[in-house]
């Protein structure tokens, strides 16, 4: 079973970054690490008590990376970082929020939580039909089942060699009952069984997601910050 909370925070940040994004040999961001890819941020900063890790998109020119690196000292001057990135391309999205790791041991999950494979995919039909054809890509998939229907689901949003990022959904009308936390317990157990580190991250304004983290006793190891542009320049020669 893979170690989790015993790893140094900087090592956890590296695992998380490689799970969230595809990264080339020069440690530059290529795309979002999920089927179909998607545009990676212009800059991603992982912050921890021991320091920070900074990744730049492969298309950012070296002079802009040099300028941005000078502005990455704590506390971050977010408006200034945004203005710097906007000299390259307009900014579309800014993200910031806590990243958590799971404790070494966790409680058993509720008996109404099931691990979903092809034989159980009919349980997803009412509230999560879009997951039916993605079970292999999102494995493990766990669900809280009521009356033969999954009402909360936790699966792997992004997977790498060493980590898996949680993706959590609860159907409207079933929120606030603790179903989400129970499904996460099952998901993280099976991620660990495969030798990967389960990761749970969210944004600062997602209070419901942070409440789930508190219920589970998760350990915050860092803070994620990223700036994504509208569209990076195609065919850009960055030298």
C-alpha atoms as a PDB file:
ATOM      1  CA  UNK A   1       0.000   0.000   0.000  1.00  0.00           C
ATOM      2  CA  UNK A   2       1.353   3.430  -0.935  1.00  0.00           C
ATOM      3  CA  UNK A   3       2.399   5.825   1.817  1.00  0.00           C
ATOM      4  CA  UNK A   4       0.267   8.925   2.118  1.00  0.00           C
ATOM      5  CA  UNK A   5       0.461  11.299   5.053  1.00  0.00           C
ATOM      6  CA  UNK A   6       4.002  10.117   5.852  1.00  0.00           C
ATOM      7  CA  UNK A   7       5.395  11.644   2.664  1.00  0.00           C
ATOM      8  CA  UNK A   8       7.051  15.079   2.781  1.00  0.00           C
ATOM      9  CA  UNK A   9       4.672  17.825   1.647  1.00  0.00           C
ATOM     10  CA  UNK A  10       6.873  18.768  -1.311  1.00  0.00           C
ATOM     11  CA  UNK A  11       6.768  15.185  -2.570  1.00  0.00           C
ATOM     12  CA  UNK A  12       2.970  15.239  -2.262  1.00  0.00           C
ATOM     13  CA  UNK A  13       2.877  18.429  -4.347  1.00  0.00           C
ATOM     14  CA  UNK A  14       4.922  16.735  -7.076  1.00  0.00           C
ATOM     15  CA  UNK A  15       2.602  13.734  -7.108  1.00  0.00           C
ATOM     16  CA  UNK A  16      -0.434  16.000  -7.256  1.00  0.00           C
ATOM     17  CA  UNK A  17       0.961  18.118 -10.109  1.00  0.00           C
ATOM     18  CA  UNK A  18       1.792  15.018 -12.170  1.00  0.00           C
ATOM     19  CA  UNK A  19      -1.710  13.700 -11.477  1.00  0.00           C
ATOM     20  CA  UNK A  20      -3.500  16.896 -12.445  1.00  0.00           C
ATOM     21  CA  UNK A  21      -1.473  17.589 -15.597  1.00  0.00           C
ATOM     22  CA  UNK A  22       0.706  15.967 -18.224  1.00  0.00           C
ATOM     23  CA  UNK A  23       4.232  17.360 -17.869  1.00  0.00           C
ATOM     24  CA  UNK A  24       7.158  17.071 -20.280  1.00  0.00           C
ATOM     25  CA  UNK A  25      10.815  16.306 -19.509  1.00  0.00           C
ATOM     26  CA  UNK A  26      11.489  20.013 -19.051  1.00  0.00           C
ATOM     27  CA  UNK A  27       8.831  20.102 -16.320  1.00  0.00           C
ATOM     28  CA  UNK A  28       6.508  22.230 -18.444  1.00  0.00           C
ATOM     29  CA  UNK A  29       2.731  21.760 -18.439  1.00  0.00           C
ATOM     30  CA  UNK A  30       1.252  20.209 -21.580  1.00  0.00           C
ATOM     31  CA  UNK A  31      -2.428  19.531 -20.878  1.00  0.00           C
ATOM     32  CA  UNK A  32      -4.986  18.489 -18.284  1.00  0.00           C
ATOM     33  CA  UNK A  33      -4.431  14.830 -17.405  1.00  0.00           C
ATOM     34  CA  UNK A  34      -7.760  13.349 -18.397  1.00  0.00           C
ATOM     35  CA  UNK A  35      -9.263  11.734 -21.505  1.00  0.00           C
ATOM     36  CA  UNK A  36      -9.413  14.322 -24.243  1.00  0.00           C
ATOM     37  CA  UNK A  37      -6.874  16.488 -22.451  1.00  0.00           C
ATOM     38  CA  UNK A  38      -7.773  20.136 -22.140  1.00  0.00           C
ATOM     39  CA  UNK A  39      -5.784  23.294 -21.723  1.00  0.00           C
ATOM     40  CA  UNK A  40      -3.358  23.286 -18.809  1.00  0.00           C
ATOM     41  CA  UNK A  41      -2.871  26.497 -16.825  1.00  0.00           C
ATOM     42  CA  UNK A  42      -0.350  29.099 -17.887  1.00  0.00           C
ATOM     43  CA  UNK A  43       1.075  28.759 -14.385  1.00  0.00           C
ATOM     44  CA  UNK A  44       0.447  26.327 -11.537  1.00  0.00           C
ATOM     45  CA  UNK A  45       1.881  26.927  -8.070  1.00  0.00           C
ATOM     46  CA  UNK A  46       1.749  24.329  -5.325  1.00  0.00           C
ATOM     47  CA  UNK A  47       2.286  25.877  -1.912  1.00  0.00           C
ATOM     48  CA  UNK A  48       3.324  24.020   1.250  1.00  0.00           C
ATOM     49  CA  UNK A  49       4.922  24.887   4.564  1.00  0.00           C
ATOM     50  CA  UNK A  50       8.243  23.559   3.249  1.00  0.00           C
ATOM     51  CA  UNK A  51       8.209  25.702   0.101  1.00  0.00           C
ATOM     52  CA  UNK A  52       6.558  25.906  -3.297  1.00  0.00           C
ATOM     53  CA  UNK A  53       6.620  24.228  -6.691  1.00  0.00           C
ATOM     54  CA  UNK A  54       6.027  26.229  -9.855  1.00  0.00           C
ATOM     55  CA  UNK A  55       5.090  24.824 -13.249  1.00  0.00           C
ATOM     56  CA  UNK A  56       4.677  26.847 -16.439  1.00  0.00           C
ATOM     57  CA  UNK A  57       2.841  25.957 -19.625  1.00  0.00           C
ATOM     58  CA  UNK A  58       5.176  24.815 -22.389  1.00  0.00           C
ATOM     59  CA  UNK A  59       4.174  27.759 -24.580  1.00  0.00           C
ATOM     60  CA  UNK A  60       5.074  30.506 -22.122  1.00  0.00           C
ATOM     61  CA  UNK A  61       8.167  32.387 -23.345  1.00  0.00           C
ATOM     62  CA  UNK A  62      11.264  32.255 -21.120  1.00  0.00           C
ATOM     63  CA  UNK A  63      11.274  36.001 -20.427  1.00  0.00           C
ATOM     64  CA  UNK A  64       7.709  35.832 -19.087  1.00  0.00           C
ATOM     65  CA  UNK A  65       8.602  32.837 -16.905  1.00  0.00           C
ATOM     66  CA  UNK A  66      11.493  34.844 -15.480  1.00  0.00           C
ATOM     67  CA  UNK A  67       9.167  37.739 -14.689  1.00  0.00           C
ATOM     68  CA  UNK A  68       6.573  35.461 -13.098  1.00  0.00           C
ATOM     69  CA  UNK A  69       9.173  33.680 -10.973  1.00  0.00           C
ATOM     70  CA  UNK A  70      10.081  37.014  -9.376  1.00  0.00           C
ATOM     71  CA  UNK A  71       6.434  37.467  -8.321  1.00  0.00           C
ATOM     72  CA  UNK A  72       5.963  34.005  -6.769  1.00  0.00           C
ATOM     73  CA  UNK A  73       7.310  34.851  -3.342  1.00  0.00           C
ATOM     74  CA  UNK A  74       4.835  34.540  -0.459  1.00  0.00           C
ATOM     75  CA  UNK A  75       2.449  36.134   0.110  1.00  0.00           C
ATOM     76  CA  UNK A  76       1.380  35.899  -3.519  1.00  0.00           C
ATOM     77  CA  UNK A  77       0.395  39.142  -5.197  1.00  0.00           C
ATOM     78  CA  UNK A  78      -2.398  37.564  -7.227  1.00  0.00           C
ATOM     79  CA  UNK A  79      -3.509  40.689  -9.137  1.00  0.00           C
ATOM     80  CA  UNK A  80       0.090  41.292 -10.208  1.00  0.00           C
ATOM     81  CA  UNK A  81       0.507  37.693 -11.365  1.00  0.00           C
ATOM     82  CA  UNK A  82      -2.699  37.977 -13.384  1.00  0.00           C
ATOM     83  CA  UNK A  83      -1.505  41.190 -15.032  1.00  0.00           C
ATOM     84  CA  UNK A  84       1.788  39.515 -15.966  1.00  0.00           C
ATOM     85  CA  UNK A  85       0.036  36.530 -17.564  1.00  0.00           C
ATOM     86  CA  UNK A  86      -2.335  38.845 -19.422  1.00  0.00           C
ATOM     87  CA  UNK A  87       0.606  40.316 -21.316  1.00  0.00           C
ATOM     88  CA  UNK A  88       0.710  36.941 -23.086  1.00  0.00           C
ATOM     89  CA  UNK A  89      -2.970  35.961 -23.351  1.00  0.00           C
ATOM     90  CA  UNK A  90      -6.223  37.101 -21.659  1.00  0.00           C
ATOM     91  CA  UNK A  91      -6.905  35.293 -18.383  1.00  0.00           C
ATOM     92  CA  UNK A  92      -9.946  33.028 -18.355  1.00  0.00           C
ATOM     93  CA  UNK A  93      -9.848  31.409 -14.923  1.00  0.00           C
ATOM     94  CA  UNK A  94      -8.064  31.699 -11.573  1.00  0.00           C
ATOM     95  CA  UNK A  95      -8.127  28.823  -9.083  1.00  0.00           C
ATOM     96  CA  UNK A  96      -6.999  28.626  -5.473  1.00  0.00           C
ATOM     97  CA  UNK A  97      -7.825  26.123  -2.779  1.00  0.00           C
ATOM     98  CA  UNK A  98      -6.598  23.541  -0.276  1.00  0.00           C
ATOM     99  CA  UNK A  99      -5.177  20.122  -1.150  1.00  0.00           C
ATOM    100  CA  UNK A 100      -5.599  17.218   1.241  1.00  0.00           C
ATOM    101  CA  UNK A 101      -4.112  13.798   1.814  1.00  0.00           C
ATOM    102  CA  UNK A 102      -5.802  10.943   3.622  1.00  0.00           C
ATOM    103  CA  UNK A 103      -4.656   9.621   7.007  1.00  0.00           C
ATOM    104  CA  UNK A 104      -2.923   6.257   7.062  1.00  0.00           C
ATOM    105  CA  UNK A 105      -6.017   4.540   8.457  1.00  0.00           C
ATOM    106  CA  UNK A 106      -9.691   5.358   8.034  1.00  0.00           C
ATOM    107  CA  UNK A 107     -13.051   4.112   9.247  1.00  0.00           C
ATOM    108  CA  UNK A 108     -15.085   1.502   7.416  1.00  0.00           C
ATOM    109  CA  UNK A 109     -17.663   2.953   5.056  1.00  0.00           C
ATOM    110  CA  UNK A 110     -21.424   2.523   5.298  1.00  0.00           C
ATOM    111  CA  UNK A 111     -22.741  -0.809   3.999  1.00  0.00           C
ATOM    112  CA  UNK A 112     -24.860   1.016   1.451  1.00  0.00           C
ATOM    113  CA  UNK A 113     -21.696   2.074  -0.382  1.00  0.00           C
ATOM    114  CA  UNK A 114     -20.750  -0.177  -3.288  1.00  0.00           C
ATOM    115  CA  UNK A 115     -17.788  -0.391  -5.623  1.00  0.00           C
ATOM    116  CA  UNK A 116     -19.200   0.051  -9.113  1.00  0.00           C
ATOM    117  CA  UNK A 117     -18.068  -2.174 -11.968  1.00  0.00           C
ATOM    118  CA  UNK A 118     -19.725  -3.123 -15.241  1.00  0.00           C
ATOM    119  CA  UNK A 119     -22.109  -5.469 -13.452  1.00  0.00           C
ATOM    120  CA  UNK A 120     -23.335  -2.633 -11.207  1.00  0.00           C
ATOM    121  CA  UNK A 121     -23.432   0.166 -13.790  1.00  0.00           C
ATOM    122  CA  UNK A 122     -27.247   0.039 -13.896  1.00  0.00           C
ATOM    123  CA  UNK A 123     -27.155   1.703 -10.454  1.00  0.00           C
ATOM    124  CA  UNK A 124     -25.821   4.860 -12.141  1.00  0.00           C
ATOM    125  CA  UNK A 125     -28.664   5.182 -14.649  1.00  0.00           C
ATOM    126  CA  UNK A 126     -30.905   7.580 -12.716  1.00  0.00           C
ATOM    127  CA  UNK A 127     -28.473  10.228 -11.505  1.00  0.00           C
ATOM    128  CA  UNK A 128     -25.061   9.553 -13.113  1.00  0.00           C
ATOM    129  CA  UNK A 129     -25.604   7.981 -16.560  1.00  0.00           C
ATOM    130  CA  UNK A 130     -22.576   9.817 -17.980  1.00  0.00           C
ATOM    131  CA  UNK A 131     -20.268   7.652 -15.852  1.00  0.00           C
ATOM    132  CA  UNK A 132     -21.533   4.381 -17.306  1.00  0.00           C
ATOM    133  CA  UNK A 133     -19.069   4.397 -20.209  1.00  0.00           C
ATOM    134  CA  UNK A 134     -16.200   5.826 -18.148  1.00  0.00           C
ATOM    135  CA  UNK A 135     -15.835   3.247 -15.391  1.00  0.00           C
ATOM    136  CA  UNK A 136     -12.434   2.037 -16.569  1.00  0.00           C
ATOM    137  CA  UNK A 137     -11.055   5.563 -16.970  1.00  0.00           C
ATOM    138  CA  UNK A 138     -12.454   6.736 -13.619  1.00  0.00           C
ATOM    139  CA  UNK A 139     -11.692   3.627 -11.553  1.00  0.00           C
ATOM    140  CA  UNK A 140     -12.251   3.125  -8.706  1.00  0.00           C
ATOM    141  CA  UNK A 141     -15.866   4.288  -8.717  1.00  0.00           C
ATOM    142  CA  UNK A 142     -17.779   4.021  -5.447  1.00  0.00           C
ATOM    143  CA  UNK A 143     -21.403   4.915  -4.853  1.00  0.00           C
ATOM    144  CA  UNK A 144     -23.853   5.315  -1.996  1.00  0.00           C
ATOM    145  CA  UNK A 145     -26.902   3.316  -3.098  1.00  0.00           C
ATOM    146  CA  UNK A 146     -30.483   3.896  -1.991  1.00  0.00           C
ATOM    147  CA  UNK A 147     -33.341   1.877  -3.508  1.00  0.00           C
ATOM    148  CA  UNK A 148     -31.123   0.457  -6.265  1.00  0.00           C
ATOM    149  CA  UNK A 149     -29.917   3.888  -7.354  1.00  0.00           C
ATOM    150  CA  UNK A 150     -26.590   5.613  -6.760  1.00  0.00           C
ATOM    151  CA  UNK A 151     -27.232   8.957  -5.044  1.00  0.00           C
ATOM    152  CA  UNK A 152     -23.585   9.919  -4.368  1.00  0.00           C
ATOM    153  CA  UNK A 153     -20.510   8.922  -6.349  1.00  0.00           C
ATOM    154  CA  UNK A 154     -16.766   9.275  -5.833  1.00  0.00           C
ATOM    155  CA  UNK A 155     -14.410   8.419  -8.676  1.00  0.00           C
ATOM    156  CA  UNK A 156     -10.955   9.300  -9.978  1.00  0.00           C
ATOM    157  CA  UNK A 157     -11.023  12.549 -11.914  1.00  0.00           C
ATOM    158  CA  UNK A 158      -7.365  12.179 -12.920  1.00  0.00           C
ATOM    159  CA  UNK A 159      -4.942   9.293 -12.475  1.00  0.00           C
ATOM    160  CA  UNK A 160      -1.156   9.077 -12.673  1.00  0.00           C
ATOM    161  CA  UNK A 161       1.412   6.436 -11.826  1.00  0.00           C
ATOM    162  CA  UNK A 162       1.570   7.575  -8.207  1.00  0.00           C
ATOM    163  CA  UNK A 163      -1.671   9.443  -7.508  1.00  0.00           C
ATOM    164  CA  UNK A 164      -5.415   9.740  -8.089  1.00  0.00           C
ATOM    165  CA  UNK A 165      -7.519  12.877  -7.666  1.00  0.00           C
ATOM    166  CA  UNK A 166     -11.011  12.483  -6.190  1.00  0.00           C
ATOM    167  CA  UNK A 167     -14.109  13.636  -8.038  1.00  0.00           C
ATOM    168  CA  UNK A 168     -17.232  13.749  -5.876  1.00  0.00           C
ATOM    169  CA  UNK A 169     -20.892  14.179  -6.822  1.00  0.00           C
ATOM    170  CA  UNK A 170     -24.115  14.006  -4.822  1.00  0.00           C
ATOM    171  CA  UNK A 171     -27.490  14.096  -6.541  1.00  0.00           C
ATOM    172  CA  UNK A 172     -29.759  17.055  -5.681  1.00  0.00           C
ATOM    173  CA  UNK A 173     -32.159  16.130  -2.938  1.00  0.00           C
ATOM    174  CA  UNK A 174     -29.653  13.836  -1.237  1.00  0.00           C
ATOM    175  CA  UNK A 175     -27.119  16.408  -0.082  1.00  0.00           C
ATOM    176  CA  UNK A 176     -26.379  17.154   3.545  1.00  0.00           C
ATOM    177  CA  UNK A 177     -26.803  13.582   4.796  1.00  0.00           C
ATOM    178  CA  UNK A 178     -23.175  12.487   4.849  1.00  0.00           C
ATOM    179  CA  UNK A 179     -23.478  10.202   1.813  1.00  0.00           C
ATOM    180  CA  UNK A 180     -20.563  11.880   0.040  1.00  0.00           C
ATOM    181  CA  UNK A 181     -18.103  11.264   2.855  1.00  0.00           C
ATOM    182  CA  UNK A 182     -19.009   7.573   2.967  1.00  0.00           C
ATOM    183  CA  UNK A 183     -18.362   7.129  -0.757  1.00  0.00           C
ATOM    184  CA  UNK A 184     -14.972   8.854  -0.449  1.00  0.00           C
ATOM    185  CA  UNK A 185     -13.911   6.395   2.277  1.00  0.00           C
ATOM    186  CA  UNK A 186     -14.462   3.500  -0.104  1.00  0.00           C
ATOM    187  CA  UNK A 187     -12.791   5.253  -3.052  1.00  0.00           C
ATOM    188  CA  UNK A 188      -9.614   6.174  -1.195  1.00  0.00           C
ATOM    189  CA  UNK A 189      -9.229   2.644   0.186  1.00  0.00           C
ATOM    190  CA  UNK A 190      -9.230   1.116  -3.285  1.00  0.00           C
ATOM    191  CA  UNK A 191      -6.885   3.807  -4.625  1.00  0.00           C
ATOM    192  CA  UNK A 192      -4.388   2.890  -1.904  1.00  0.00           C
ATOM    193  CA  UNK A 193      -4.845  -0.790  -2.697  1.00  0.00           C
ATOM    194  CA  UNK A 194      -3.532  -0.046  -6.192  1.00  0.00           C
ATOM    195  CA  UNK A 195      -0.434   1.650  -4.745  1.00  0.00           C
ATOM    196  CA  UNK A 196      -1.455   5.232  -5.492  1.00  0.00           C
ATOM    197  CA  UNK A 197      -1.830   8.248  -3.233  1.00  0.00           C
ATOM    198  CA  UNK A 198      -5.469   9.431  -3.024  1.00  0.00           C
ATOM    199  CA  UNK A 199      -5.708  13.235  -3.275  1.00  0.00           C
ATOM    200  CA  UNK A 200      -8.652  15.457  -2.398  1.00  0.00           C
ATOM    201  CA  UNK A 201      -8.567  19.094  -3.423  1.00  0.00           C
ATOM    202  CA  UNK A 202     -11.132  21.838  -3.755  1.00  0.00           C
ATOM    203  CA  UNK A 203     -11.516  25.593  -4.059  1.00  0.00           C
ATOM    204  CA  UNK A 204     -11.694  28.009  -1.134  1.00  0.00           C
ATOM    205  CA  UNK A 205     -15.273  28.955  -1.995  1.00  0.00           C
ATOM    206  CA  UNK A 206     -16.535  25.345  -2.050  1.00  0.00           C
ATOM    207  CA  UNK A 207     -17.541  25.137   1.598  1.00  0.00           C
ATOM    208  CA  UNK A 208     -19.508  21.914   1.183  1.00  0.00           C
ATOM    209  CA  UNK A 209     -16.447  20.139  -0.198  1.00  0.00           C
ATOM    210  CA  UNK A 210     -14.303  21.451   2.650  1.00  0.00           C
ATOM    211  CA  UNK A 211     -16.894  20.154   5.111  1.00  0.00           C
ATOM    212  CA  UNK A 212     -16.502  16.671   3.614  1.00  0.00           C
ATOM    213  CA  UNK A 213     -12.742  16.957   4.135  1.00  0.00           C
ATOM    214  CA  UNK A 214     -13.283  17.848   7.797  1.00  0.00           C
ATOM    215  CA  UNK A 215     -15.677  14.926   8.329  1.00  0.00           C
ATOM    216  CA  UNK A 216     -13.061  12.565   6.925  1.00  0.00           C
ATOM    217  CA  UNK A 217     -10.246  13.989   9.024  1.00  0.00           C
ATOM    218  CA  UNK A 218      -8.166  14.776   5.947  1.00  0.00           C
ATOM    219  CA  UNK A 219      -4.755  16.380   6.331  1.00  0.00           C
ATOM    220  CA  UNK A 220      -4.072  19.554   4.365  1.00  0.00           C
ATOM    221  CA  UNK A 221      -0.615  19.336   2.823  1.00  0.00           C
ATOM    222  CA  UNK A 222      -0.754  22.347   0.531  1.00  0.00           C
ATOM    223  CA  UNK A 223      -2.602  24.993  -1.431  1.00  0.00           C
ATOM    224  CA  UNK A 224      -3.090  24.970  -5.201  1.00  0.00           C
ATOM    225  CA  UNK A 225      -3.003  28.150  -7.249  1.00  0.00           C
ATOM    226  CA  UNK A 226      -3.338  28.380 -11.022  1.00  0.00           C
ATOM    227  CA  UNK A 227      -4.048  30.886 -13.771  1.00  0.00           C
ATOM    228  CA  UNK A 228      -5.534  29.662 -17.052  1.00  0.00           C
ATOM    229  CA  UNK A 229      -5.728  31.805 -20.170  1.00  0.00           C
ATOM    230  CA  UNK A 230      -8.477  31.967 -22.776  1.00  0.00           C
ATOM    231  CA  UNK A 231      -6.374  30.358 -25.505  1.00  0.00           C
ATOM    232  CA  UNK A 232      -2.651  29.842 -25.666  1.00  0.00           C
ATOM    233  CA  UNK A 233      -0.951  30.814 -28.880  1.00  0.00           C
ATOM    234  CA  UNK A 234      -0.878  27.970 -31.381  1.00  0.00           C
ATOM    235  CA  UNK A 235       2.391  27.190 -33.032  1.00  0.00           C
ATOM    236  CA  UNK A 236       4.250  29.485 -30.673  1.00  0.00           C
ATOM    237  CA  UNK A 237       8.017  29.021 -30.806  1.00  0.00           C
ATOM    238  CA  UNK A 238       9.309  29.534 -27.299  1.00  0.00           C
ATOM    239  CA  UNK A 239      12.871  28.512 -28.074  1.00  0.00           C
END
